[in-house]
Amino acid sequence: TGPAAALDGTDHHPPVYKGRVTAKSGLLVRDAPNRGGRVVRSEPYGKVVTIFCKTKGSQVGRTALWYQLTDGTWAWGSAHYIATLGKTPRWC
């Protein structure tokens, strides 16, 4: 529980997940969880990003997982280029 708990005992604030960009040339963040999605921005190598959830999308490297990032815009980054810090993100 705690200060974020609602009166009914449920916590309506989803957990916060973090990850670090591992792509040396930066991470291309897209408007859909696939390589065909429009690039909306890029995140530099080493930046810690906030992850909302994960879903399956197009294959990148050895994974088809994509993370929905909440930094600035709700957009998608391939899990292949994001090392999770702490807990693995929940499914969308």
PDB file of N, CA and C in Angstrom:
ATOM      1  N   THR A   1       0.842  -1.182   0.000  1.00  0.00           N
ATOM      2  CA  THR A   1       0.000   0.000   0.000  1.00  0.00           C
ATOM      3  C   THR A   1       0.884   1.241   0.000  1.00  0.00           C
ATOM      4  N   GLY A   2       0.674   2.172   0.909  1.00  0.00           N
ATOM      5  CA  GLY A   2       1.493   3.381   0.947  1.00  0.00           C
ATOM      6  C   GLY A   2       0.721   4.569   0.441  1.00  0.00           C
ATOM      7  N   PRO A   3       1.385   5.711   0.287  1.00  0.00           N
ATOM      8  CA  PRO A   3       0.681   6.934  -0.096  1.00  0.00           C
ATOM      9  C   PRO A   3       0.038   6.867  -1.484  1.00  0.00           C
ATOM     10  N   ALA A   4       0.528   5.989  -2.364  1.00  0.00           N
ATOM     11  CA  ALA A   4      -0.028   5.923  -3.710  1.00  0.00           C
ATOM     12  C   ALA A   4      -1.254   5.012  -3.791  1.00  0.00           C
ATOM     13  N   ALA A   5      -1.575   4.304  -2.720  1.00  0.00           N
ATOM     14  CA  ALA A   5      -2.696   3.364  -2.752  1.00  0.00           C
ATOM     15  C   ALA A   5      -4.029   4.100  -2.725  1.00  0.00           C
ATOM     16  N   ALA A   6      -4.957   3.584  -3.496  1.00  0.00           N
ATOM     17  CA  ALA A   6      -6.301   4.161  -3.523  1.00  0.00           C
ATOM     18  C   ALA A   6      -7.088   3.652  -2.310  1.00  0.00           C
ATOM     19  N   LEU A   7      -8.262   4.225  -2.069  1.00  0.00           N
ATOM     20  CA  LEU A   7      -9.082   3.831  -0.931  1.00  0.00           C
ATOM     21  C   LEU A   7      -9.521   2.372  -1.005  1.00  0.00           C
ATOM     22  N   ASP A   8      -9.612   1.828  -2.225  1.00  0.00           N
ATOM     23  CA  ASP A   8     -10.030   0.436  -2.360  1.00  0.00           C
ATOM     24  C   ASP A   8      -8.860  -0.535  -2.181  1.00  0.00           C
ATOM     25  N   GLY A   9      -7.675  -0.013  -1.852  1.00  0.00           N
ATOM     26  CA  GLY A   9      -6.530  -0.872  -1.588  1.00  0.00           C
ATOM     27  C   GLY A   9      -5.698  -1.206  -2.811  1.00  0.00           C
ATOM     28  N   THR A  10      -6.108  -0.719  -3.964  1.00  0.00           N
ATOM     29  CA  THR A  10      -5.328  -0.996  -5.172  1.00  0.00           C
ATOM     30  C   THR A  10      -4.440   0.194  -5.494  1.00  0.00           C
ATOM     31  N   ASP A  11      -3.334  -0.071  -6.094  1.00  0.00           N
ATOM     32  CA  ASP A  11      -2.381   0.978  -6.470  1.00  0.00           C
ATOM     33  C   ASP A  11      -2.609   1.315  -7.941  1.00  0.00           C
ATOM     34  N   HIS A  12      -3.057   2.526  -8.227  1.00  0.00           N
ATOM     35  CA  HIS A  12      -3.373   2.902  -9.600  1.00  0.00           C
ATOM     36  C   HIS A  12      -2.187   3.514 -10.331  1.00  0.00           C
ATOM     37  N   HIS A  13      -1.033   3.548  -9.694  1.00  0.00           N
ATOM     38  CA  HIS A  13       0.179   4.042 -10.343  1.00  0.00           C
ATOM     39  C   HIS A  13       0.979   2.840 -10.810  1.00  0.00           C
ATOM     40  N   PRO A  14       1.147   2.665 -12.129  1.00  0.00           N
ATOM     41  CA  PRO A  14       1.897   1.502 -12.601  1.00  0.00           C
ATOM     42  C   PRO A  14       3.364   1.605 -12.167  1.00  0.00           C
ATOM     43  N   PRO A  15       4.030   0.481 -12.034  1.00  0.00           N
ATOM     44  CA  PRO A  15       5.437   0.527 -11.650  1.00  0.00           C
ATOM     45  C   PRO A  15       6.274   1.237 -12.719  1.00  0.00           C
ATOM     46  N   VAL A  16       7.384   1.775 -12.297  1.00  0.00           N
ATOM     47  CA  VAL A  16       8.292   2.450 -13.224  1.00  0.00           C
ATOM     48  C   VAL A  16       9.458   1.520 -13.511  1.00  0.00           C
ATOM     49  N   TYR A  17       9.729   1.321 -14.784  1.00  0.00           N
ATOM     50  CA  TYR A  17      10.848   0.494 -15.211  1.00  0.00           C
ATOM     51  C   TYR A  17      11.871   1.392 -15.886  1.00  0.00           C
ATOM     52  N   LYS A  18      13.129   1.038 -15.751  1.00  0.00           N
ATOM     53  CA  LYS A  18      14.200   1.832 -16.350  1.00  0.00           C
ATOM     54  C   LYS A  18      15.069   0.943 -17.228  1.00  0.00           C
ATOM     55  N   GLY A  19      15.717   1.561 -18.201  1.00  0.00           N
ATOM     56  CA  GLY A  19      16.657   0.855 -19.058  1.00  0.00           C
ATOM     57  C   GLY A  19      17.730   1.813 -19.537  1.00  0.00           C
ATOM     58  N   ARG A  20      18.871   1.240 -19.954  1.00  0.00           N
ATOM     59  CA  ARG A  20      19.979   2.054 -20.458  1.00  0.00           C
ATOM     60  C   ARG A  20      20.183   1.737 -21.936  1.00  0.00           C
ATOM     61  N   VAL A  21      20.307   2.784 -22.761  1.00  0.00           N
ATOM     62  CA  VAL A  21      20.518   2.623 -24.200  1.00  0.00           C
ATOM     63  C   VAL A  21      21.905   2.025 -24.434  1.00  0.00           C
ATOM     64  N   THR A  22      21.961   0.914 -25.170  1.00  0.00           N
ATOM     65  CA  THR A  22      23.227   0.233 -25.446  1.00  0.00           C
ATOM     66  C   THR A  22      23.689   0.391 -26.888  1.00  0.00           C
ATOM     67  N   ALA A  23      22.875   1.027 -27.727  1.00  0.00           N
ATOM     68  CA  ALA A  23      23.251   1.226 -29.136  1.00  0.00           C
ATOM     69  C   ALA A  23      24.324   2.307 -29.211  1.00  0.00           C
ATOM     70  N   LYS A  24      25.515   1.944 -29.701  1.00  0.00           N
ATOM     71  CA  LYS A  24      26.641   2.888 -29.745  1.00  0.00           C
ATOM     72  C   LYS A  24      26.313   4.140 -30.547  1.00  0.00           C
ATOM     73  N   SER A  25      25.541   3.989 -31.615  1.00  0.00           N
ATOM     74  CA  SER A  25      25.203   5.145 -32.452  1.00  0.00           C
ATOM     75  C   SER A  25      23.901   5.813 -32.020  1.00  0.00           C
ATOM     76  N   GLY A  26      23.316   5.356 -30.896  1.00  0.00           N
ATOM     77  CA  GLY A  26      22.062   5.912 -30.412  1.00  0.00           C
ATOM     78  C   GLY A  26      20.889   5.020 -30.780  1.00  0.00           C
ATOM     79  N   LEU A  27      19.818   5.164 -30.042  1.00  0.00           N
ATOM     80  CA  LEU A  27      18.611   4.359 -30.238  1.00  0.00           C
ATOM     81  C   LEU A  27      17.583   5.152 -31.030  1.00  0.00           C
ATOM     82  N   LEU A  28      17.117   4.577 -32.136  1.00  0.00           N
ATOM     83  CA  LEU A  28      16.033   5.200 -32.897  1.00  0.00           C
ATOM     84  C   LEU A  28      14.721   4.798 -32.237  1.00  0.00           C
ATOM     85  N   VAL A  29      13.936   5.787 -31.844  1.00  0.00           N
ATOM     86  CA  VAL A  29      12.662   5.559 -31.171  1.00  0.00           C
ATOM     87  C   VAL A  29      11.551   5.779 -32.199  1.00  0.00           C
ATOM     88  N   ARG A  30      10.634   4.814 -32.293  1.00  0.00           N
ATOM     89  CA  ARG A  30       9.642   4.799 -33.380  1.00  0.00           C
ATOM     90  C   ARG A  30       8.210   4.907 -32.868  1.00  0.00           C
ATOM     91  N   ASP A  31       7.299   5.237 -33.796  1.00  0.00           N
ATOM     92  CA  ASP A  31       5.891   5.401 -33.412  1.00  0.00           C
ATOM     93  C   ASP A  31       5.124   4.079 -33.393  1.00  0.00           C
ATOM     94  N   ALA A  32       5.791   2.970 -33.711  1.00  0.00           N
ATOM     95  CA  ALA A  32       5.192   1.639 -33.671  1.00  0.00           C
ATOM     96  C   ALA A  32       6.301   0.640 -33.318  1.00  0.00           C
ATOM     97  N   PRO A  33       5.944  -0.499 -32.731  1.00  0.00           N
ATOM     98  CA  PRO A  33       6.969  -1.453 -32.307  1.00  0.00           C
ATOM     99  C   PRO A  33       7.500  -2.321 -33.450  1.00  0.00           C
ATOM    100  N   ASN A  34       7.993  -1.671 -34.484  1.00  0.00           N
ATOM    101  CA  ASN A  34       8.576  -2.403 -35.602  1.00  0.00           C
ATOM    102  C   ASN A  34       9.548  -1.509 -36.365  1.00  0.00           C
ATOM    103  N   ARG A  35      10.390  -2.147 -37.173  1.00  0.00           N
ATOM    104  CA  ARG A  35      11.413  -1.410 -37.927  1.00  0.00           C
ATOM    105  C   ARG A  35      10.810  -0.457 -38.951  1.00  0.00           C
ATOM    106  N   GLY A  36       9.567  -0.694 -39.341  1.00  0.00           N
ATOM    107  CA  GLY A  36       8.902   0.168 -40.312  1.00  0.00           C
ATOM    108  C   GLY A  36       8.254   1.399 -39.697  1.00  0.00           C
ATOM    109  N   GLY A  37       8.240   1.459 -38.373  1.00  0.00           N
ATOM    110  CA  GLY A  37       7.637   2.604 -37.701  1.00  0.00           C
ATOM    111  C   GLY A  37       8.422   3.882 -37.969  1.00  0.00           C
ATOM    112  N   ARG A  38       7.707   5.002 -38.009  1.00  0.00           N
ATOM    113  CA  ARG A  38       8.356   6.300 -38.249  1.00  0.00           C
ATOM    114  C   ARG A  38       9.235   6.658 -37.065  1.00  0.00           C
ATOM    115  N   VAL A  39      10.454   7.101 -37.346  1.00  0.00           N
ATOM    116  CA  VAL A  39      11.366   7.526 -36.288  1.00  0.00           C
ATOM    117  C   VAL A  39      10.889   8.866 -35.749  1.00  0.00           C
ATOM    118  N   VAL A  40      10.633   8.922 -34.442  1.00  0.00           N
ATOM    119  CA  VAL A  40      10.151  10.156 -33.819  1.00  0.00           C
ATOM    120  C   VAL A  40      11.266  10.900 -33.088  1.00  0.00           C
ATOM    121  N   ARG A  41      12.301  10.176 -32.683  1.00  0.00           N
ATOM    122  CA  ARG A  41      13.467  10.800 -32.056  1.00  0.00           C
ATOM    123  C   ARG A  41      14.546   9.742 -31.887  1.00  0.00           C
ATOM    124  N   SER A  42      15.686  10.161 -31.363  1.00  0.00           N
ATOM    125  CA  SER A  42      16.710   9.183 -30.997  1.00  0.00           C
ATOM    126  C   SER A  42      17.205   9.500 -29.599  1.00  0.00           C
ATOM    127  N   GLU A  43      17.674   8.473 -28.924  1.00  0.00           N
ATOM    128  CA  GLU A  43      18.215   8.619 -27.575  1.00  0.00           C
ATOM    129  C   GLU A  43      19.692   8.242 -27.632  1.00  0.00           C
ATOM    130  N   PRO A  44      20.551   9.013 -26.980  1.00  0.00           N
ATOM    131  CA  PRO A  44      21.995   8.760 -27.053  1.00  0.00           C
ATOM    132  C   PRO A  44      22.433   7.516 -26.287  1.00  0.00           C
ATOM    133  N   TYR A  45      23.560   6.959 -26.691  1.00  0.00           N
ATOM    134  CA  TYR A  45      24.180   5.824 -26.015  1.00  0.00           C
ATOM    135  C   TYR A  45      24.376   6.146 -24.526  1.00  0.00           C
ATOM    136  N   GLY A  46      23.977   5.214 -23.663  1.00  0.00           N
ATOM    137  CA  GLY A  46      24.176   5.380 -22.237  1.00  0.00           C
ATOM    138  C   GLY A  46      23.051   6.076 -21.503  1.00  0.00           C
ATOM    139  N   LYS A  47      22.100   6.677 -22.216  1.00  0.00           N
ATOM    140  CA  LYS A  47      21.007   7.380 -21.548  1.00  0.00           C
ATOM    141  C   LYS A  47      20.094   6.393 -20.831  1.00  0.00           C
ATOM    142  N   VAL A  48      19.650   6.768 -19.637  1.00  0.00           N
ATOM    143  CA  VAL A  48      18.671   5.963 -18.911  1.00  0.00           C
ATOM    144  C   VAL A  48      17.281   6.446 -19.327  1.00  0.00           C
ATOM    145  N   VAL A  49      16.457   5.509 -19.810  1.00  0.00           N
ATOM    146  CA  VAL A  49      15.110   5.835 -20.285  1.00  0.00           C
ATOM    147  C   VAL A  49      14.081   5.176 -19.374  1.00  0.00           C
ATOM    148  N   THR A  50      12.873   5.726 -19.371  1.00  0.00           N
ATOM    149  CA  THR A  50      11.769   5.178 -18.594  1.00  0.00           C
ATOM    150  C   THR A  50      10.925   4.295 -19.509  1.00  0.00           C
ATOM    151  N   ILE A  51      10.672   3.069 -19.056  1.00  0.00           N
ATOM    152  CA  ILE A  51       9.915   2.081 -19.838  1.00  0.00           C
ATOM    153  C   ILE A  51       8.557   1.890 -19.186  1.00  0.00           C
ATOM    154  N   PHE A  52       7.497   1.963 -19.991  1.00  0.00           N
ATOM    155  CA  PHE A  52       6.145   1.747 -19.472  1.00  0.00           C
ATOM    156  C   PHE A  52       5.773   0.266 -19.513  1.00  0.00           C
ATOM    157  N   CYS A  53       6.037  -0.391 -20.668  1.00  0.00           N
ATOM    158  CA  CYS A  53       5.669  -1.788 -20.824  1.00  0.00           C
ATOM    159  C   CYS A  53       6.402  -2.368 -22.027  1.00  0.00           C
ATOM    160  N   LYS A  54       6.220  -3.681 -22.255  1.00  0.00           N
ATOM    161  CA  LYS A  54       6.853  -4.353 -23.392  1.00  0.00           C
ATOM    162  C   LYS A  54       5.802  -5.062 -24.235  1.00  0.00           C
ATOM    163  N   THR A  55       6.129  -5.259 -25.511  1.00  0.00           N
ATOM    164  CA  THR A  55       5.251  -5.989 -26.414  1.00  0.00           C
ATOM    165  C   THR A  55       6.111  -6.663 -27.473  1.00  0.00           C
ATOM    166  N   LYS A  56       5.496  -7.548 -28.248  1.00  0.00           N
ATOM    167  CA  LYS A  56       6.223  -8.180 -29.346  1.00  0.00           C
ATOM    168  C   LYS A  56       6.039  -7.348 -30.603  1.00  0.00           C
ATOM    169  N   GLY A  57       7.115  -7.227 -31.361  1.00  0.00           N
ATOM    170  CA  GLY A  57       7.097  -6.483 -32.619  1.00  0.00           C
ATOM    171  C   GLY A  57       8.023  -7.164 -33.600  1.00  0.00           C
ATOM    172  N   SER A  58       8.621  -6.392 -34.483  1.00  0.00           N
ATOM    173  CA  SER A  58       9.522  -6.988 -35.464  1.00  0.00           C
ATOM    174  C   SER A  58      10.839  -7.384 -34.805  1.00  0.00           C
ATOM    175  N   GLN A  59      11.447  -8.418 -35.361  1.00  0.00           N
ATOM    176  CA  GLN A  59      12.705  -8.970 -34.846  1.00  0.00           C
ATOM    177  C   GLN A  59      13.859  -7.994 -35.062  1.00  0.00           C
ATOM    178  N   VAL A  60      14.617  -7.749 -34.012  1.00  0.00           N
ATOM    179  CA  VAL A  60      15.844  -6.959 -34.087  1.00  0.00           C
ATOM    180  C   VAL A  60      16.902  -7.761 -33.340  1.00  0.00           C
ATOM    181  N   GLY A  61      17.951  -8.156 -34.011  1.00  0.00           N
ATOM    182  CA  GLY A  61      18.940  -9.021 -33.371  1.00  0.00           C
ATOM    183  C   GLY A  61      18.301 -10.346 -33.005  1.00  0.00           C
ATOM    184  N   ARG A  62      18.426 -10.738 -31.738  1.00  0.00           N
ATOM    185  CA  ARG A  62      17.851 -12.012 -31.294  1.00  0.00           C
ATOM    186  C   ARG A  62      16.526 -11.851 -30.570  1.00  0.00           C
ATOM    187  N   THR A  63      15.934 -10.667 -30.602  1.00  0.00           N
ATOM    188  CA  THR A  63      14.677 -10.473 -29.871  1.00  0.00           C
ATOM    189  C   THR A  63      13.630  -9.754 -30.720  1.00  0.00           C
ATOM    190  N   ALA A  64      12.358 -10.065 -30.426  1.00  0.00           N
ATOM    191  CA  ALA A  64      11.245  -9.362 -31.059  1.00  0.00           C
ATOM    192  C   ALA A  64      10.536  -8.468 -30.043  1.00  0.00           C
ATOM    193  N   LEU A  65      11.150  -8.293 -28.869  1.00  0.00           N
ATOM    194  CA  LEU A  65      10.542  -7.447 -27.838  1.00  0.00           C
ATOM    195  C   LEU A  65      10.846  -5.976 -28.089  1.00  0.00           C
ATOM    196  N   TRP A  66       9.844  -5.159 -27.831  1.00  0.00           N
ATOM    197  CA  TRP A  66       9.978  -3.697 -27.927  1.00  0.00           C
ATOM    198  C   TRP A  66       9.454  -3.106 -26.632  1.00  0.00           C
ATOM    199  N   TYR A  67      10.075  -2.008 -26.205  1.00  0.00           N
ATOM    200  CA  TYR A  67       9.663  -1.315 -24.999  1.00  0.00           C
ATOM    201  C   TYR A  67       9.000   0.005 -25.362  1.00  0.00           C
ATOM    202  N   GLN A  68       7.871   0.297 -24.705  1.00  0.00           N
ATOM    203  CA  GLN A  68       7.229   1.594 -24.883  1.00  0.00           C
ATOM    204  C   GLN A  68       7.865   2.558 -23.887  1.00  0.00           C
ATOM    205  N   LEU A  69       8.479   3.609 -24.426  1.00  0.00           N
ATOM    206  CA  LEU A  69       9.193   4.580 -23.605  1.00  0.00           C
ATOM    207  C   LEU A  69       8.301   5.779 -23.335  1.00  0.00           C
ATOM    208  N   THR A  70       8.426   6.348 -22.149  1.00  0.00           N
ATOM    209  CA  THR A  70       7.550   7.454 -21.765  1.00  0.00           C
ATOM    210  C   THR A  70       8.289   8.786 -21.708  1.00  0.00           C
ATOM    211  N   ASP A  71       9.533   8.819 -22.128  1.00  0.00           N
ATOM    212  CA  ASP A  71      10.319  10.057 -22.073  1.00  0.00           C
ATOM    213  C   ASP A  71       9.926  11.003 -23.211  1.00  0.00           C
ATOM    214  N   GLY A  72       9.161  12.022 -22.915  1.00  0.00           N
ATOM    215  CA  GLY A  72       8.789  13.003 -23.943  1.00  0.00           C
ATOM    216  C   GLY A  72       7.582  12.579 -24.747  1.00  0.00           C
ATOM    217  N   THR A  73       7.712  11.531 -25.519  1.00  0.00           N
ATOM    218  CA  THR A  73       6.593  11.012 -26.310  1.00  0.00           C
ATOM    219  C   THR A  73       6.453   9.532 -26.007  1.00  0.00           C
ATOM    220  N   TRP A  74       5.262   9.013 -26.165  1.00  0.00           N
ATOM    221  CA  TRP A  74       5.045   7.576 -25.976  1.00  0.00           C
ATOM    222  C   TRP A  74       5.438   6.901 -27.272  1.00  0.00           C
ATOM    223  N   ALA A  75       6.637   6.369 -27.318  1.00  0.00           N
ATOM    224  CA  ALA A  75       7.154   5.767 -28.539  1.00  0.00           C
ATOM    225  C   ALA A  75       7.891   4.477 -28.188  1.00  0.00           C
ATOM    226  N   TRP A  76       8.354   3.773 -29.190  1.00  0.00           N
ATOM    227  CA  TRP A  76       8.874   2.420 -29.023  1.00  0.00           C
ATOM    228  C   TRP A  76      10.354   2.318 -29.351  1.00  0.00           C
ATOM    229  N   GLY A  77      11.078   1.541 -28.546  1.00  0.00           N
ATOM    230  CA  GLY A  77      12.476   1.242 -28.798  1.00  0.00           C
ATOM    231  C   GLY A  77      12.692  -0.252 -28.710  1.00  0.00           C
ATOM    232  N   SER A  78      13.531  -0.796 -29.580  1.00  0.00           N
ATOM    233  CA  SER A  78      13.798  -2.232 -29.561  1.00  0.00           C
ATOM    234  C   SER A  78      14.538  -2.618 -28.288  1.00  0.00           C
ATOM    235  N   ALA A  79      14.067  -3.699 -27.651  1.00  0.00           N
ATOM    236  CA  ALA A  79      14.711  -4.205 -26.442  1.00  0.00           C
ATOM    237  C   ALA A  79      16.141  -4.664 -26.726  1.00  0.00           C
ATOM    238  N   HIS A  80      16.455  -4.925 -27.998  1.00  0.00           N
ATOM    239  CA  HIS A  80      17.809  -5.335 -28.371  1.00  0.00           C
ATOM    240  C   HIS A  80      18.823  -4.255 -27.988  1.00  0.00           C
ATOM    241  N   TYR A  81      18.396  -3.002 -27.985  1.00  0.00           N
ATOM    242  CA  TYR A  81      19.289  -1.877 -27.719  1.00  0.00           C
ATOM    243  C   TYR A  81      19.041  -1.201 -26.365  1.00  0.00           C
ATOM    244  N   ILE A  82      18.274  -1.861 -25.477  1.00  0.00           N
ATOM    245  CA  ILE A  82      17.992  -1.292 -24.157  1.00  0.00           C
ATOM    246  C   ILE A  82      18.254  -2.366 -23.106  1.00  0.00           C
ATOM    247  N   ALA A  83      19.186  -2.108 -22.212  1.00  0.00           N
ATOM    248  CA  ALA A  83      19.467  -3.021 -21.101  1.00  0.00           C
ATOM    249  C   ALA A  83      18.614  -2.602 -19.918  1.00  0.00           C
ATOM    250  N   THR A  84      17.755  -3.491 -19.453  1.00  0.00           N
ATOM    251  CA  THR A  84      16.884  -3.133 -18.331  1.00  0.00           C
ATOM    252  C   THR A  84      17.695  -2.986 -17.052  1.00  0.00           C
ATOM    253  N   LEU A  85      17.268  -2.056 -16.229  1.00  0.00           N
ATOM    254  CA  LEU A  85      17.883  -1.809 -14.928  1.00  0.00           C
ATOM    255  C   LEU A  85      16.841  -2.192 -13.875  1.00  0.00           C
ATOM    256  N   GLY A  86      17.082  -3.226 -13.131  1.00  0.00           N
ATOM    257  CA  GLY A  86      16.088  -3.662 -12.147  1.00  0.00           C
ATOM    258  C   GLY A  86      15.117  -4.654 -12.768  1.00  0.00           C
ATOM    259  N   LYS A  87      13.850  -4.503 -12.401  1.00  0.00           N
ATOM    260  CA  LYS A  87      12.815  -5.445 -12.838  1.00  0.00           C
ATOM    261  C   LYS A  87      12.587  -5.393 -14.344  1.00  0.00           C
ATOM    262  N   THR A  88      12.222  -6.561 -14.907  1.00  0.00           N
ATOM    263  CA  THR A  88      11.856  -6.629 -16.315  1.00  0.00           C
ATOM    264  C   THR A  88      10.482  -5.983 -16.482  1.00  0.00           C
ATOM    265  N   PRO A  89      10.311  -5.133 -17.517  1.00  0.00           N
ATOM    266  CA  PRO A  89       9.023  -4.449 -17.714  1.00  0.00           C
ATOM    267  C   PRO A  89       7.860  -5.425 -17.891  1.00  0.00           C
ATOM    268  N   ARG A  90       6.679  -4.965 -17.460  1.00  0.00           N
ATOM    269  CA  ARG A  90       5.458  -5.759 -17.608  1.00  0.00           C
ATOM    270  C   ARG A  90       5.013  -5.747 -19.068  1.00  0.00           C
ATOM    271  N   TRP A  91       4.115  -6.663 -19.411  1.00  0.00           N
ATOM    272  CA  TRP A  91       3.529  -6.688 -20.760  1.00  0.00           C
ATOM    273  C   TRP A  91       2.498  -5.576 -20.901  1.00  0.00           C
ATOM    274  N   CYS A  92       2.378  -5.038 -22.091  1.00  0.00           N
ATOM    275  CA  CYS A  92       1.398  -3.970 -22.359  1.00  0.00           C
ATOM    276  C   CYS A  92      -0.006  -4.559 -22.405  1.00  0.00           C
TER     277      CYS A  92
END
